[in-house]
N, C-alpha and C. Protein backbone atom coordinates (compact mmCIF):
# COMPACT_ATOMS: atom_id res chain seq x y z
N MET A 1 252.12 70.35 -6.84
CA MET A 1 250.54 69.96 -6.42
C MET A 1 250.28 68.51 -5.87
N THR A 2 249.53 68.41 -5.02
CA THR A 2 249.66 67.05 -4.31
C THR A 2 248.69 66.38 -5.06
N SER A 3 249.24 65.02 -5.26
CA SER A 3 248.66 64.15 -6.08
C SER A 3 247.18 63.58 -5.28
N VAL A 4 246.27 63.00 -5.90
CA VAL A 4 244.98 62.48 -5.07
C VAL A 4 245.02 60.88 -5.33
N PRO A 5 245.13 60.05 -4.15
CA PRO A 5 245.11 58.81 -4.28
C PRO A 5 243.78 58.27 -5.16
N THR A 6 244.11 57.30 -6.04
CA THR A 6 243.18 56.65 -6.77
C THR A 6 242.25 55.86 -6.10
N PRO A 7 240.89 55.99 -6.05
CA PRO A 7 239.97 55.22 -5.30
C PRO A 7 239.80 53.66 -5.95
N ILE A 8 239.78 52.89 -4.87
CA ILE A 8 239.62 51.53 -5.57
C ILE A 8 238.43 51.14 -5.86
N PRO A 9 238.20 50.62 -7.00
CA PRO A 9 236.79 50.25 -7.42
C PRO A 9 236.08 49.77 -6.51
N SER A 10 234.75 49.63 -6.53
CA SER A 10 233.80 49.09 -5.40
C SER A 10 234.02 47.40 -5.48
N ARG A 11 233.79 46.63 -6.82
CA ARG A 11 234.11 45.54 -6.56
C ARG A 11 235.34 44.94 -6.19
N THR A 12 236.41 45.68 -6.11
CA THR A 12 237.47 45.24 -5.62
C THR A 12 237.74 45.59 -4.26
N GLN A 13 237.23 46.58 -3.84
CA GLN A 13 237.13 46.68 -2.15
C GLN A 13 236.18 45.65 -1.57
N PHE A 14 235.07 45.39 -2.40
CA PHE A 14 234.24 44.34 -1.59
C PHE A 14 235.06 42.97 -1.55
N VAL A 15 235.69 42.53 -2.60
CA VAL A 15 236.60 41.21 -2.28
C VAL A 15 237.69 41.61 -1.49
N LEU A 16 238.44 42.75 -1.44
CA LEU A 16 239.27 43.15 -0.38
C LEU A 16 238.86 42.95 1.21
N ASP A 17 237.70 43.57 1.39
CA ASP A 17 237.29 43.64 2.79
C ASP A 17 236.88 42.15 3.15
N ALA A 18 236.18 41.30 2.20
CA ALA A 18 235.73 40.01 2.39
C ALA A 18 237.19 39.09 2.86
N ILE A 19 237.80 39.22 1.81
CA ILE A 19 239.18 38.21 2.21
C ILE A 19 239.90 38.90 3.40
N LYS A 20 240.12 40.00 3.66
CA LYS A 20 240.83 40.55 4.85
C LYS A 20 240.00 40.05 6.32
N HIS A 21 238.58 40.09 5.93
CA HIS A 21 237.55 39.71 7.20
C HIS A 21 237.98 38.08 7.31
N ARG A 22 238.18 37.12 6.44
CA ARG A 22 238.38 35.96 6.68
C ARG A 22 239.79 35.52 7.14
N ILE A 23 240.78 36.21 6.67
CA ILE A 23 242.05 36.06 7.20
C ILE A 23 242.17 36.26 8.87
N LEU A 24 241.63 37.62 9.01
CA LEU A 24 241.83 38.07 10.33
C LEU A 24 240.84 37.65 11.56
N THR A 25 239.61 36.73 10.94
CA THR A 25 238.99 35.98 11.93
C THR A 25 239.34 34.37 11.76
N GLY A 26 240.28 34.10 11.31
CA GLY A 26 240.95 32.75 11.30
C GLY A 26 240.12 31.74 10.08
N GLN A 27 239.01 32.21 9.25
CA GLN A 27 238.55 31.46 8.26
C GLN A 27 239.41 31.01 7.49
N LEU A 28 240.30 31.87 7.27
CA LEU A 28 241.68 31.61 5.97
C LEU A 28 242.64 31.44 7.08
N THR A 29 243.66 30.34 6.84
CA THR A 29 244.62 30.28 7.83
C THR A 29 245.92 30.55 7.16
N PRO A 30 246.87 30.80 7.91
CA PRO A 30 248.10 30.99 7.54
C PRO A 30 248.81 29.61 6.56
N GLY A 31 249.30 30.19 5.35
CA GLY A 31 249.77 29.39 4.45
C GLY A 31 248.81 28.75 3.54
N GLN A 32 247.47 28.94 3.70
CA GLN A 32 246.30 28.59 2.84
C GLN A 32 246.67 29.06 1.64
N ALA A 33 246.39 28.58 0.31
CA ALA A 33 246.45 29.15 -0.91
C ALA A 33 245.21 30.01 -1.38
N LEU A 34 245.34 30.93 -1.87
CA LEU A 34 244.14 31.76 -2.20
C LEU A 34 244.31 31.73 -3.86
N VAL A 35 243.18 31.00 -4.45
CA VAL A 35 243.26 30.93 -5.73
C VAL A 35 242.24 31.76 -6.56
N GLU A 36 242.61 32.60 -7.53
CA GLU A 36 241.84 33.69 -8.08
C GLU A 36 240.78 33.09 -8.59
N THR A 37 240.64 32.00 -9.40
CA THR A 37 239.44 31.42 -10.03
C THR A 37 238.46 30.84 -8.89
N ASP A 38 238.96 30.41 -7.78
CA ASP A 38 238.06 30.12 -6.63
C ASP A 38 237.18 31.19 -6.05
N LEU A 39 238.32 32.20 -5.80
CA LEU A 39 237.43 33.31 -5.19
C LEU A 39 236.90 34.27 -6.19
N ALA A 40 236.91 34.17 -7.35
CA ALA A 40 235.91 34.84 -8.09
C ALA A 40 234.60 34.32 -8.15
N ALA A 41 234.63 32.97 -8.16
CA ALA A 41 233.38 32.07 -8.33
C ALA A 41 232.77 32.34 -6.87
N GLN A 42 233.46 32.34 -5.73
CA GLN A 42 232.75 32.56 -4.53
C GLN A 42 232.13 33.92 -4.32
N PHE A 43 232.77 34.82 -5.10
CA PHE A 43 232.33 36.14 -4.70
C PHE A 43 231.59 36.87 -5.88
N GLY A 44 231.42 35.95 -7.20
CA GLY A 44 230.62 36.12 -8.25
C GLY A 44 231.09 37.51 -8.86
N VAL A 45 232.48 37.48 -8.83
CA VAL A 45 233.25 38.54 -9.93
C VAL A 45 234.23 37.89 -10.85
N SER A 46 234.77 38.95 -11.85
CA SER A 46 235.68 38.33 -12.51
C SER A 46 236.97 38.06 -11.70
N LYS A 47 237.99 37.58 -12.39
CA LYS A 47 239.29 37.53 -11.71
C LYS A 47 239.97 38.85 -11.54
N THR A 48 239.55 39.85 -12.35
CA THR A 48 240.27 41.12 -12.11
C THR A 48 240.29 41.97 -10.75
N PRO A 49 239.17 41.96 -10.10
CA PRO A 49 238.89 42.56 -8.83
C PRO A 49 239.88 41.67 -7.73
N VAL A 50 239.86 40.39 -8.04
CA VAL A 50 240.33 39.41 -6.93
C VAL A 50 241.99 39.53 -7.14
N ARG A 51 242.34 39.85 -8.37
CA ARG A 51 243.72 40.07 -8.59
C ARG A 51 244.24 41.42 -7.92
N GLU A 52 243.48 42.50 -8.09
CA GLU A 52 243.79 43.55 -7.53
C GLU A 52 243.70 43.69 -5.96
N ALA A 53 242.87 43.06 -5.50
CA ALA A 53 242.64 42.92 -4.01
C ALA A 53 243.73 42.19 -3.41
N LEU A 54 244.35 41.12 -3.86
CA LEU A 54 245.54 40.17 -3.64
C LEU A 54 246.62 41.31 -3.69
N LYS A 55 246.70 41.89 -4.68
CA LYS A 55 247.92 42.85 -4.58
C LYS A 55 247.86 43.56 -3.35
N THR A 56 246.85 44.34 -3.08
CA THR A 56 246.48 45.05 -1.92
C THR A 56 247.05 44.49 -0.59
N LEU A 57 246.49 43.47 -0.48
CA LEU A 57 246.80 42.57 0.57
C LEU A 57 248.09 42.18 0.82
N ALA A 58 248.98 41.83 -0.23
CA ALA A 58 250.08 41.52 -0.31
C ALA A 58 250.88 42.82 0.05
N GLY A 59 250.43 44.08 -0.33
CA GLY A 59 251.44 45.13 0.24
C GLY A 59 251.11 45.51 1.70
N THR A 60 250.13 45.14 2.30
CA THR A 60 249.84 45.35 3.66
C THR A 60 250.53 43.85 4.41
N GLY A 61 250.96 43.04 4.11
CA GLY A 61 251.63 41.75 4.55
C GLY A 61 250.97 40.78 4.98
N LEU A 62 249.55 40.82 4.65
CA LEU A 62 248.64 39.75 5.01
C LEU A 62 248.66 38.47 4.00
N VAL A 63 249.18 38.56 2.78
CA VAL A 63 249.31 37.52 1.93
C VAL A 63 250.78 37.79 1.38
N VAL A 64 251.15 36.53 0.75
CA VAL A 64 252.55 36.58 -0.05
C VAL A 64 252.24 36.03 -1.15
N MET A 65 252.79 36.40 -2.22
CA MET A 65 252.83 36.27 -3.60
C MET A 65 254.08 35.79 -4.18
N SER A 66 254.22 34.36 -4.69
CA SER A 66 255.40 33.77 -5.05
C SER A 66 254.99 33.33 -6.29
N GLN A 67 256.06 33.28 -7.16
CA GLN A 67 256.03 32.76 -8.49
C GLN A 67 255.70 31.29 -8.54
N TYR A 68 256.35 30.48 -7.52
CA TYR A 68 256.17 29.26 -7.63
C TYR A 68 254.90 28.78 -6.88
N LYS A 69 254.54 29.47 -5.89
CA LYS A 69 253.66 28.97 -4.83
C LYS A 69 252.33 29.68 -4.99
N GLY A 70 252.05 30.74 -5.80
CA GLY A 70 251.05 31.17 -6.04
C GLY A 70 250.74 32.17 -4.78
N VAL A 71 249.51 32.80 -4.34
CA VAL A 71 249.03 33.61 -3.51
C VAL A 71 248.79 32.53 -2.06
N THR A 72 249.38 33.16 -1.11
CA THR A 72 249.01 32.27 0.33
C THR A 72 248.71 33.21 1.12
N VAL A 73 247.96 32.82 2.20
CA VAL A 73 248.03 33.66 3.36
C VAL A 73 249.24 33.76 4.29
N ARG A 74 249.96 34.95 4.65
CA ARG A 74 251.04 34.88 5.22
C ARG A 74 251.31 33.88 6.51
N MET A 75 252.42 33.22 6.27
CA MET A 75 252.69 32.36 7.76
C MET A 75 253.15 33.39 8.91
N VAL A 76 252.88 32.89 9.93
CA VAL A 76 253.20 33.58 11.29
C VAL A 76 254.10 32.85 12.27
N ASP A 77 255.25 33.35 12.47
CA ASP A 77 256.16 32.82 13.36
C ASP A 77 256.69 33.62 14.37
N ALA A 78 257.55 33.54 15.20
CA ALA A 78 258.13 34.11 16.22
C ALA A 78 258.97 35.53 15.50
N ASP A 79 259.62 35.31 14.45
CA ASP A 79 260.27 36.33 13.84
C ASP A 79 259.52 37.52 13.49
N MET A 80 258.23 37.07 12.80
CA MET A 80 257.11 38.00 12.29
C MET A 80 256.62 38.45 13.51
N ALA A 81 256.15 37.54 14.22
CA ALA A 81 255.77 38.50 15.52
C ALA A 81 256.41 39.39 16.19
N ARG A 82 257.55 39.22 16.27
CA ARG A 82 258.42 40.23 17.13
C ARG A 82 258.72 41.51 16.21
N GLU A 83 258.91 41.29 14.76
CA GLU A 83 258.78 42.50 14.31
C GLU A 83 257.78 43.25 14.22
N VAL A 84 256.63 42.91 14.25
CA VAL A 84 255.29 43.70 14.43
C VAL A 84 254.99 44.16 15.63
N TYR A 85 255.40 43.21 16.75
CA TYR A 85 255.00 44.00 18.10
C TYR A 85 256.23 44.85 18.41
N ASP A 86 257.55 44.61 18.00
CA ASP A 86 258.39 45.61 18.39
C ASP A 86 258.19 46.91 17.81
N VAL A 87 257.39 47.06 16.60
CA VAL A 87 256.78 48.62 16.23
C VAL A 87 255.74 48.96 16.98
N ARG A 88 255.02 48.12 17.41
CA ARG A 88 253.68 48.48 18.65
C ARG A 88 254.30 48.85 19.58
N LEU A 89 255.20 48.12 20.31
CA LEU A 89 255.65 48.40 21.45
C LEU A 89 256.47 49.94 21.43
N LEU A 90 257.02 50.24 20.39
CA LEU A 90 257.70 51.43 20.35
C LEU A 90 256.86 52.74 20.14
N LEU A 91 255.74 52.49 19.32
CA LEU A 91 254.76 53.56 18.84
C LEU A 91 253.79 53.77 19.80
N GLU A 92 253.01 52.33 20.19
CA GLU A 92 251.35 52.57 20.40
C GLU A 92 251.43 53.26 21.72
N PRO A 93 252.39 52.78 22.89
CA PRO A 93 252.18 53.43 24.21
C PRO A 93 252.40 54.94 23.97
N GLU A 94 253.39 55.54 23.11
CA GLU A 94 253.53 56.87 23.23
C GLU A 94 252.43 57.68 22.44
N ALA A 95 251.62 57.14 21.76
CA ALA A 95 250.42 57.58 21.06
C ALA A 95 249.34 57.71 22.03
N LEU A 96 249.32 56.76 22.90
CA LEU A 96 248.14 56.73 23.86
C LEU A 96 248.59 57.85 24.79
N LYS A 97 249.75 57.85 25.54
CA LYS A 97 250.43 59.01 26.24
C LYS A 97 249.97 60.52 25.63
N ARG A 98 250.16 60.54 24.31
CA ARG A 98 249.94 61.86 23.85
C ARG A 98 248.39 61.96 23.87
N ALA A 99 247.64 61.13 23.51
CA ALA A 99 246.16 61.33 23.28
C ALA A 99 245.78 61.74 24.87
N VAL A 100 246.26 60.88 25.84
CA VAL A 100 245.64 61.49 27.14
C VAL A 100 246.39 62.70 27.59
N ARG A 101 247.42 62.96 27.11
CA ARG A 101 247.88 64.47 27.67
C ARG A 101 246.97 65.60 26.89
N ARG A 102 246.75 65.25 25.75
CA ARG A 102 246.06 66.43 24.97
C ARG A 102 244.16 66.41 25.21
N GLY A 103 244.04 65.36 26.27
CA GLY A 103 242.47 65.39 26.85
C GLY A 103 241.66 64.94 25.71
N ALA A 104 242.23 64.12 24.83
CA ALA A 104 241.18 63.58 23.79
C ALA A 104 240.04 62.59 24.24
N SER A 105 239.10 62.88 23.46
CA SER A 105 238.08 61.70 23.98
C SER A 105 238.29 60.24 23.58
N LEU A 106 237.90 59.26 24.48
CA LEU A 106 238.25 58.21 24.42
C LEU A 106 237.14 57.35 24.34
N ASP A 107 235.88 58.00 24.05
CA ASP A 107 234.56 57.50 23.94
C ASP A 107 234.65 55.95 23.03
N GLU A 108 235.05 56.30 21.87
CA GLU A 108 235.21 55.23 20.74
C GLU A 108 235.75 53.97 21.62
N ALA A 109 236.97 54.16 22.43
CA ALA A 109 237.51 53.18 23.11
C ALA A 109 236.71 52.43 24.04
N ARG A 110 235.98 53.19 24.86
CA ARG A 110 234.92 52.68 25.64
C ARG A 110 233.80 51.73 24.94
N ASP A 111 233.54 52.30 23.97
CA ASP A 111 232.34 51.63 23.14
C ASP A 111 232.98 50.16 22.36
N ALA A 112 234.21 50.33 22.22
CA ALA A 112 234.77 49.14 21.64
C ALA A 112 235.05 48.11 22.65
N LEU A 113 235.36 48.56 23.99
CA LEU A 113 235.50 47.71 24.71
C LEU A 113 233.97 46.94 25.35
N THR A 114 233.04 47.54 25.30
CA THR A 114 231.65 47.31 25.70
C THR A 114 231.47 46.06 24.69
N ARG A 115 231.73 46.45 23.34
CA ARG A 115 231.38 45.45 22.15
C ARG A 115 231.99 44.14 22.40
N ALA A 116 233.55 44.23 22.60
CA ALA A 116 234.15 42.93 23.00
C ALA A 116 233.73 42.04 24.12
N ASP A 117 233.24 42.92 25.25
CA ASP A 117 232.79 42.24 26.42
C ASP A 117 231.31 41.32 25.74
N ARG A 118 230.55 42.03 24.94
CA ARG A 118 229.33 41.48 24.42
C ARG A 118 229.23 40.52 23.30
N ALA A 119 230.55 40.29 22.90
CA ALA A 119 230.50 39.66 21.67
C ALA A 119 230.12 38.08 21.84
N THR A 120 229.55 37.64 20.61
CA THR A 120 228.96 36.34 21.07
C THR A 120 229.83 35.10 20.28
N ASP A 121 230.94 35.89 19.44
CA ASP A 121 231.90 34.81 19.10
C ASP A 121 233.33 35.50 18.77
N ALA A 122 234.31 34.59 18.40
CA ALA A 122 235.53 34.80 18.38
C ALA A 122 235.69 36.17 17.51
N ALA A 123 235.11 36.17 16.26
CA ALA A 123 235.43 36.96 15.12
C ALA A 123 235.07 38.28 15.66
N GLU A 124 233.75 38.50 16.20
CA GLU A 124 233.16 39.79 16.47
C GLU A 124 234.04 40.43 17.77
N ARG A 125 234.48 39.66 18.53
CA ARG A 125 235.42 39.86 19.66
C ARG A 125 236.49 40.50 19.29
N SER A 126 237.38 39.97 17.93
CA SER A 126 238.63 40.36 17.80
C SER A 126 238.45 41.63 16.85
N LEU A 127 237.47 41.75 16.06
CA LEU A 127 237.26 43.06 15.50
C LEU A 127 237.07 44.13 16.52
N ALA A 128 236.34 43.78 17.57
CA ALA A 128 236.02 44.80 18.70
C ALA A 128 237.54 45.28 19.35
N ASN A 129 238.07 44.21 19.48
CA ASN A 129 239.59 44.48 20.31
C ASN A 129 240.51 45.34 19.48
N ARG A 130 240.40 45.20 18.16
CA ARG A 130 241.22 45.82 17.20
C ARG A 130 240.90 47.48 16.99
N GLU A 131 239.58 47.57 17.16
CA GLU A 131 238.88 48.95 17.26
C GLU A 131 239.34 49.42 18.67
N PHE A 132 239.33 48.80 19.77
CA PHE A 132 239.75 49.35 21.23
C PHE A 132 241.24 50.12 20.93
N HIS A 133 242.15 49.16 20.53
CA HIS A 133 243.41 49.83 20.62
C HIS A 133 243.57 50.80 19.46
N ARG A 134 242.88 50.90 18.28
CA ARG A 134 242.94 51.95 17.31
C ARG A 134 242.49 53.30 17.83
N ALA A 135 241.32 53.00 18.67
CA ALA A 135 240.73 54.18 19.18
C ALA A 135 241.66 54.78 20.31
N LEU A 136 242.68 54.16 21.07
CA LEU A 136 243.60 54.67 21.91
C LEU A 136 244.53 55.66 21.14
N TYR A 137 245.11 54.80 20.35
CA TYR A 137 246.04 55.78 19.68
C TYR A 137 245.90 56.78 18.36
N LEU A 138 244.81 56.68 17.89
CA LEU A 138 244.52 57.60 16.74
C LEU A 138 244.26 58.85 17.17
N PRO A 139 243.88 59.27 18.29
CA PRO A 139 243.64 60.69 18.85
C PRO A 139 244.83 61.28 19.37
N CYS A 140 246.01 60.70 18.68
CA CYS A 140 247.34 61.25 19.48
C CYS A 140 247.66 62.54 18.86
N GLY A 141 247.06 63.02 18.08
CA GLY A 141 247.34 64.45 17.49
C GLY A 141 248.67 64.50 16.64
N ASN A 142 249.02 63.12 16.15
CA ASN A 142 249.93 63.39 15.08
C ASN A 142 249.52 62.43 14.14
N PRO A 143 248.88 62.84 12.98
CA PRO A 143 248.19 61.82 12.19
C PRO A 143 249.29 60.79 11.14
N LEU A 144 250.68 61.23 11.34
CA LEU A 144 251.58 60.12 10.84
C LEU A 144 251.85 59.04 11.76
N LEU A 145 251.70 59.46 12.92
CA LEU A 145 251.84 58.47 13.99
C LEU A 145 250.67 57.23 13.94
N GLY A 146 249.69 57.82 13.82
CA GLY A 146 248.51 56.98 13.59
C GLY A 146 248.46 56.31 12.38
N ARG A 147 248.83 56.67 11.29
CA ARG A 147 248.92 56.01 10.03
C ARG A 147 250.25 54.80 9.92
N MET A 148 251.17 55.21 10.71
CA MET A 148 252.08 54.16 10.81
C MET A 148 251.66 53.09 11.58
N LEU A 149 251.03 53.32 12.80
CA LEU A 149 250.21 51.99 13.39
C LEU A 149 249.42 51.51 12.66
N ASP A 150 248.64 51.99 12.08
CA ASP A 150 247.44 51.58 11.04
C ASP A 150 248.16 50.50 10.05
N GLU A 151 249.34 50.72 9.44
CA GLU A 151 250.00 50.16 8.57
C GLU A 151 250.49 48.84 9.32
N VAL A 152 250.82 48.58 10.72
CA VAL A 152 251.00 47.40 11.16
C VAL A 152 249.87 46.61 11.67
N ARG A 153 248.62 47.29 11.69
CA ARG A 153 247.47 46.65 12.58
C ARG A 153 246.89 45.57 11.82
N ASP A 154 246.83 45.32 10.57
CA ASP A 154 246.40 44.12 10.12
C ASP A 154 247.39 42.86 10.28
N GLN A 155 248.72 43.34 10.31
CA GLN A 155 249.54 42.11 10.74
C GLN A 155 249.46 41.63 12.34
N ALA A 156 249.41 42.75 12.78
CA ALA A 156 249.10 42.41 14.67
C ALA A 156 248.12 41.55 14.64
N ALA A 157 247.16 41.71 14.05
CA ALA A 157 245.56 41.08 13.97
C ALA A 157 246.06 39.74 13.64
N LEU A 158 246.63 39.55 12.55
CA LEU A 158 246.96 38.04 12.10
C LEU A 158 247.72 37.47 13.24
N VAL A 159 248.82 37.92 13.99
CA VAL A 159 249.47 37.53 14.83
C VAL A 159 248.36 36.91 15.91
N SER A 160 247.85 37.89 16.44
CA SER A 160 246.36 37.51 17.58
C SER A 160 245.84 36.44 16.94
N ALA A 161 245.30 36.33 15.79
CA ALA A 161 244.41 35.23 15.47
C ALA A 161 245.02 33.92 15.65
N VAL A 162 246.38 33.88 15.22
CA VAL A 162 246.97 32.47 15.25
C VAL A 162 247.13 32.44 16.68
N ALA A 163 247.70 33.24 17.66
CA ALA A 163 247.73 33.08 18.95
C ALA A 163 246.57 32.57 19.75
N TRP A 164 245.55 33.23 19.48
CA TRP A 164 244.39 32.90 20.05
C TRP A 164 243.86 31.54 19.68
N ALA A 165 243.87 31.03 18.35
CA ALA A 165 243.57 29.87 17.98
C ALA A 165 244.04 28.62 18.61
N ALA A 166 245.50 28.77 19.15
CA ALA A 166 246.44 28.11 19.94
C ALA A 166 245.99 28.14 21.39
N SER A 167 245.84 29.09 21.90
CA SER A 167 245.57 29.29 23.39
C SER A 167 244.80 30.73 23.45
N PRO A 168 243.39 30.56 23.72
CA PRO A 168 242.52 31.61 23.73
C PRO A 168 242.99 32.31 25.48
N SER A 169 242.83 33.72 25.30
CA SER A 169 243.40 34.42 26.64
C SER A 169 242.57 35.76 26.51
N TRP A 170 241.16 35.29 25.99
CA TRP A 170 240.43 36.59 26.04
C TRP A 170 240.16 37.41 27.49
N GLU A 171 239.87 36.44 28.53
CA GLU A 171 239.52 37.14 29.91
C GLU A 171 240.52 37.87 30.28
N ARG A 172 241.93 37.41 30.43
CA ARG A 172 243.02 37.87 30.72
C ARG A 172 243.16 39.40 30.03
N GLU A 173 243.06 39.28 28.74
CA GLU A 173 243.30 40.62 27.87
C GLU A 173 242.16 41.56 27.99
N ALA A 174 240.90 40.99 28.45
CA ALA A 174 239.91 42.05 28.73
C ALA A 174 240.03 42.73 29.80
N GLY A 175 240.65 42.17 30.81
CA GLY A 175 241.12 42.71 32.01
C GLY A 175 242.09 43.83 31.85
N GLU A 176 242.90 43.46 31.18
CA GLU A 176 244.27 44.26 31.02
C GLU A 176 243.56 45.58 30.28
N HIS A 177 242.80 45.50 29.05
CA HIS A 177 241.94 46.41 28.44
C HIS A 177 241.49 47.26 29.69
N ARG A 178 240.33 46.82 30.30
CA ARG A 178 239.73 47.87 31.33
C ARG A 178 241.00 48.56 32.15
N GLU A 179 242.01 47.96 32.57
CA GLU A 179 242.79 48.72 33.31
C GLU A 179 243.35 49.68 32.62
N ILE A 180 243.89 49.58 31.40
CA ILE A 180 244.33 50.78 30.57
C ILE A 180 243.49 51.70 30.26
N LEU A 181 242.10 51.45 30.00
CA LEU A 181 241.09 52.40 29.72
C LEU A 181 240.78 53.22 31.09
N ARG A 182 240.95 52.49 32.29
CA ARG A 182 240.80 53.21 33.37
C ARG A 182 241.74 54.35 33.81
N LEU A 183 243.13 54.01 33.76
CA LEU A 183 243.98 54.61 33.88
C LEU A 183 244.07 55.90 32.97
N ALA A 184 243.68 55.65 31.38
CA ALA A 184 243.73 56.90 30.62
C ALA A 184 242.63 57.67 30.98
N LEU A 185 241.65 57.21 31.32
CA LEU A 185 240.19 57.98 31.81
C LEU A 185 240.65 58.94 33.06
N ASP A 186 241.41 58.25 33.99
CA ASP A 186 241.90 59.08 34.98
C ASP A 186 242.97 60.07 34.84
N GLY A 187 243.35 60.27 33.43
CA GLY A 187 244.10 61.22 33.18
C GLY A 187 245.76 60.92 33.48
N ASP A 188 246.00 59.57 33.68
CA ASP A 188 247.16 59.27 34.10
C ASP A 188 248.08 58.58 32.97
N ALA A 189 248.50 59.46 31.90
CA ALA A 189 249.04 59.15 30.83
C ALA A 189 250.12 58.30 30.90
N ASP A 190 251.19 58.44 31.68
CA ASP A 190 252.49 57.57 32.00
C ASP A 190 251.85 56.26 32.46
N GLY A 191 251.07 56.38 33.17
CA GLY A 191 250.31 54.89 33.96
C GLY A 191 249.69 54.09 32.64
N ALA A 192 248.84 54.80 32.05
CA ALA A 192 248.13 54.21 31.03
C ALA A 192 249.18 53.59 29.82
N ALA A 193 250.08 54.26 29.46
CA ALA A 193 251.25 53.91 28.65
C ALA A 193 251.99 52.93 28.92
N ARG A 194 252.31 52.92 30.25
CA ARG A 194 253.18 51.77 31.03
C ARG A 194 252.08 50.30 31.02
N ALA A 195 250.99 50.63 31.33
CA ALA A 195 250.08 49.25 31.31
C ALA A 195 249.82 48.58 30.04
N LEU A 196 249.67 49.68 28.84
CA LEU A 196 249.55 49.33 27.68
C LEU A 196 250.82 48.53 26.96
N HIS A 197 252.04 48.97 27.31
CA HIS A 197 253.26 48.45 27.24
C HIS A 197 253.52 47.02 27.70
N ALA A 198 253.08 46.58 28.69
CA ALA A 198 253.29 45.48 29.26
C ALA A 198 252.01 44.58 28.69
N HIS A 199 250.89 45.05 28.45
CA HIS A 199 250.07 44.44 28.01
C HIS A 199 250.28 43.88 26.42
N ILE A 200 250.77 44.59 25.68
CA ILE A 200 251.41 44.17 24.37
C ILE A 200 252.54 43.23 24.67
N ALA A 201 253.62 43.66 25.42
CA ALA A 201 254.78 42.62 25.49
C ALA A 201 254.37 41.35 26.13
N SER A 202 253.52 41.37 27.17
CA SER A 202 253.12 40.18 27.77
C SER A 202 252.46 39.15 26.70
N PHE A 203 251.57 39.76 25.94
CA PHE A 203 250.94 39.06 25.03
C PHE A 203 251.66 38.06 23.75
N VAL A 204 252.71 38.66 23.57
CA VAL A 204 253.62 38.02 22.39
C VAL A 204 254.60 37.26 22.97
N GLN A 205 254.94 37.58 24.26
CA GLN A 205 255.56 36.68 24.66
C GLN A 205 255.13 35.60 25.26
N ARG A 206 253.70 35.39 25.77
CA ARG A 206 253.16 34.38 25.96
C ARG A 206 252.83 33.50 24.69
N ALA A 207 252.51 34.06 23.77
CA ALA A 207 251.97 33.36 22.30
C ALA A 207 253.16 32.79 21.73
N PHE A 208 254.54 33.65 21.77
CA PHE A 208 255.57 33.18 20.91
C PHE A 208 256.78 33.57 22.03
N PRO A 209 257.01 32.55 22.67
CA PRO A 209 258.05 32.53 23.82
C PRO A 209 259.42 32.64 22.89
N ASP A 210 259.48 32.27 21.84
CA ASP A 210 261.01 32.28 21.02
C ASP A 210 261.15 33.68 20.53
N ALA A 211 260.04 34.52 20.60
CA ALA A 211 260.34 36.06 20.06
C ALA A 211 261.46 36.75 20.25
N GLY A 212 261.86 36.41 21.44
CA GLY A 212 263.09 37.01 21.71
C GLY A 212 263.12 38.34 22.75
N SER A 213 263.94 38.66 23.20
CA SER A 213 264.05 39.65 24.37
C SER A 213 263.49 40.97 23.84
N GLU A 214 263.55 41.37 22.34
CA GLU A 214 263.08 42.65 22.02
C GLU A 214 261.77 42.89 22.50
N ALA A 215 261.03 41.92 22.47
CA ALA A 215 259.61 42.09 22.94
C ALA A 215 259.18 42.10 24.41
N GLN A 216 260.09 42.05 25.39
CA GLN A 216 260.02 42.30 26.71
C GLN A 216 259.55 43.60 27.15
N GLY A 217 258.83 43.74 28.19
CA GLY A 217 257.97 44.92 28.63
C GLY A 217 259.08 46.03 29.48
N GLU A 218 258.67 46.84 29.56
CA GLU A 218 259.74 47.64 30.40
C GLU A 218 259.80 47.20 31.89
N ASP A 219 261.04 47.45 32.54
CA ASP A 219 261.47 47.03 33.70
C ASP A 219 261.30 45.42 33.85
N GLY A 220 261.75 44.84 32.55
CA GLY A 220 261.75 43.37 32.66
C GLY A 220 260.41 42.51 32.55
N GLN A 221 259.23 43.61 32.52
CA GLN A 221 257.75 42.77 32.33
C GLN A 221 257.50 42.25 30.94
N ALA A 222 256.92 41.12 30.98
CA ALA A 222 256.41 40.49 29.73
C ALA A 222 255.20 39.88 29.77
């Protein structure tokens, strides 16, 4: 008999969503301490939902729990960026290729791209860009593949937030997004997958040049 996942209590979910949003939009920076009592006071809750939210965030790789340092936002370095983006390079282009070949609707990707273009701040643009990528891989026809990419999605967004804070590259990436979507809407599954692969590889190579050759694009692209 299949077990049913235990739902997260509403207060814990509220705190979880709020902390995650602050991390992924750069309001909470890598290495910053997350103190239960302070967060509980900020959100007007007891320490219990804060503690449960932090445990969940530790499970997704956004925070680190240490016996000596307590809970901190995960640090981002070249090794972490390489690990996360290696997974994306292996799985995301393939998922997009499958989505295009099965004729899946990409309306949500188009909508996300429009929201990113109209964004008035970095946080809004970042969230729209995340939704754009998810809308490309989610309709691949393989739920497990989609869940695997969802598992690294937050960590990839953390890498992006750190990279954009150091060197904003929104306009270049927006142009690459438009080309990927154009190829996908034209039904060019292989071309869209290659463009997505090059897009992912070039971003991590620009942001973390020490990430190593694993994050190089196909045919030497970066």
